[in-house]
Amino acid sequence: MAYTQAQLDQVEQAIVDLARGERVVEVRFGPGDSTRYATAELPQLIELRDRMKSEILAAGKGRRIRGFRLNHNRGL
């Protein structure tokens, strides 16, 4: 599944909410597609966040310019 930055933001907010003491949080991945996480599932949620981050970074690497070289002569 291709994750979006908005979905990653939701997962990170859910982690913060669980860490603050919320008992159950819900993360929506699309219309009709949501998952509820309880405090005991915090490690699974952290693993999901890490997987989402790596997939988002991997998807963006193909478009990034890593560097360039400029060669020219001054005409002397």
Protein backbone atom coordinates (compact mmCIF):
# COMPACT_ATOMS: atom_id res chain seq x y z
CA MET A 1 0.00 0.00 0.00
CA ALA A 2 1.32 3.44 -0.86
CA TYR A 3 1.13 5.63 2.22
CA THR A 4 0.71 9.40 2.22
CA GLN A 5 2.20 12.03 4.49
CA ALA A 6 -1.29 12.74 5.90
CA GLN A 7 -1.66 9.09 6.92
CA LEU A 8 1.77 9.16 8.54
CA ASP A 9 0.74 12.29 10.45
CA GLN A 10 -2.36 10.49 11.74
CA VAL A 11 -0.31 7.55 12.95
CA GLU A 12 2.18 9.83 14.68
CA GLN A 13 -0.69 11.70 16.39
CA ALA A 14 -2.17 8.38 17.51
CA ILE A 15 1.19 7.43 19.06
CA VAL A 16 1.28 10.74 20.93
CA ASP A 17 -2.31 10.29 22.12
CA LEU A 18 -1.60 6.78 23.42
CA ALA A 19 1.56 8.01 25.15
CA ARG A 20 -0.50 10.74 26.86
CA GLY A 21 -2.83 8.16 28.35
CA GLU A 22 -5.63 7.71 25.81
CA ARG A 23 -6.96 4.17 26.03
CA VAL A 24 -8.03 3.71 22.39
CA VAL A 25 -7.24 5.69 19.24
CA GLU A 26 -8.52 5.29 15.68
CA VAL A 27 -6.48 5.79 12.51
CA ARG A 28 -8.29 6.22 9.18
CA PHE A 29 -6.54 5.09 6.00
CA GLY A 30 -9.40 5.93 3.66
CA PRO A 31 -13.19 5.92 3.41
CA GLY A 32 -14.46 2.92 5.33
CA ASP A 33 -10.92 1.79 6.19
CA SER A 34 -9.95 2.49 9.78
CA THR A 35 -8.13 0.64 12.53
CA ARG A 36 -8.41 1.06 16.28
CA TYR A 37 -5.35 0.72 18.49
CA ALA A 38 -5.23 0.29 22.26
CA THR A 39 -2.41 1.14 24.64
CA ALA A 40 -1.15 -2.45 24.53
CA GLU A 41 -0.70 -2.15 20.75
CA LEU A 42 1.62 0.85 20.94
CA PRO A 43 4.66 -1.19 19.73
CA GLN A 44 2.70 -2.30 16.65
CA LEU A 45 1.73 1.29 15.93
CA ILE A 46 5.35 2.42 16.23
CA GLU A 47 6.39 -0.37 13.83
CA LEU A 48 3.71 0.77 11.37
CA ARG A 49 4.98 4.36 11.61
CA ASP A 50 8.55 3.26 10.87
CA ARG A 51 7.41 1.18 7.88
CA MET A 52 5.35 4.09 6.54
CA LYS A 53 8.29 6.49 6.88
CA SER A 54 10.63 4.18 5.00
CA GLU A 55 8.11 3.64 2.18
CA ILE A 56 7.44 7.37 1.83
CA LEU A 57 11.16 8.13 1.73
CA ALA A 58 11.80 5.35 -0.81
CA ALA A 59 9.02 6.65 -3.07
CA GLY A 60 10.51 10.15 -3.06
CA LYS A 61 14.10 9.16 -3.82
CA GLY A 62 13.56 8.72 -7.56
CA ARG A 63 12.75 12.39 -8.03
CA ARG A 64 15.51 13.90 -5.94
CA ILE A 65 18.56 15.52 -7.54
CA ARG A 66 21.60 14.36 -5.64
CA GLY A 67 24.12 16.68 -7.23
CA PHE A 68 25.41 18.03 -10.49
CA ARG A 69 28.66 19.02 -12.10
CA LEU A 70 29.16 22.19 -14.06
CA ASN A 71 32.06 22.35 -16.52
CA HIS A 72 32.83 25.41 -18.62
CA ASN A 73 35.65 27.17 -20.40
CA ARG A 74 36.21 30.87 -20.12
CA GLY A 75 37.17 31.12 -23.77
CA LEU A 76 40.77 32.25 -23.16
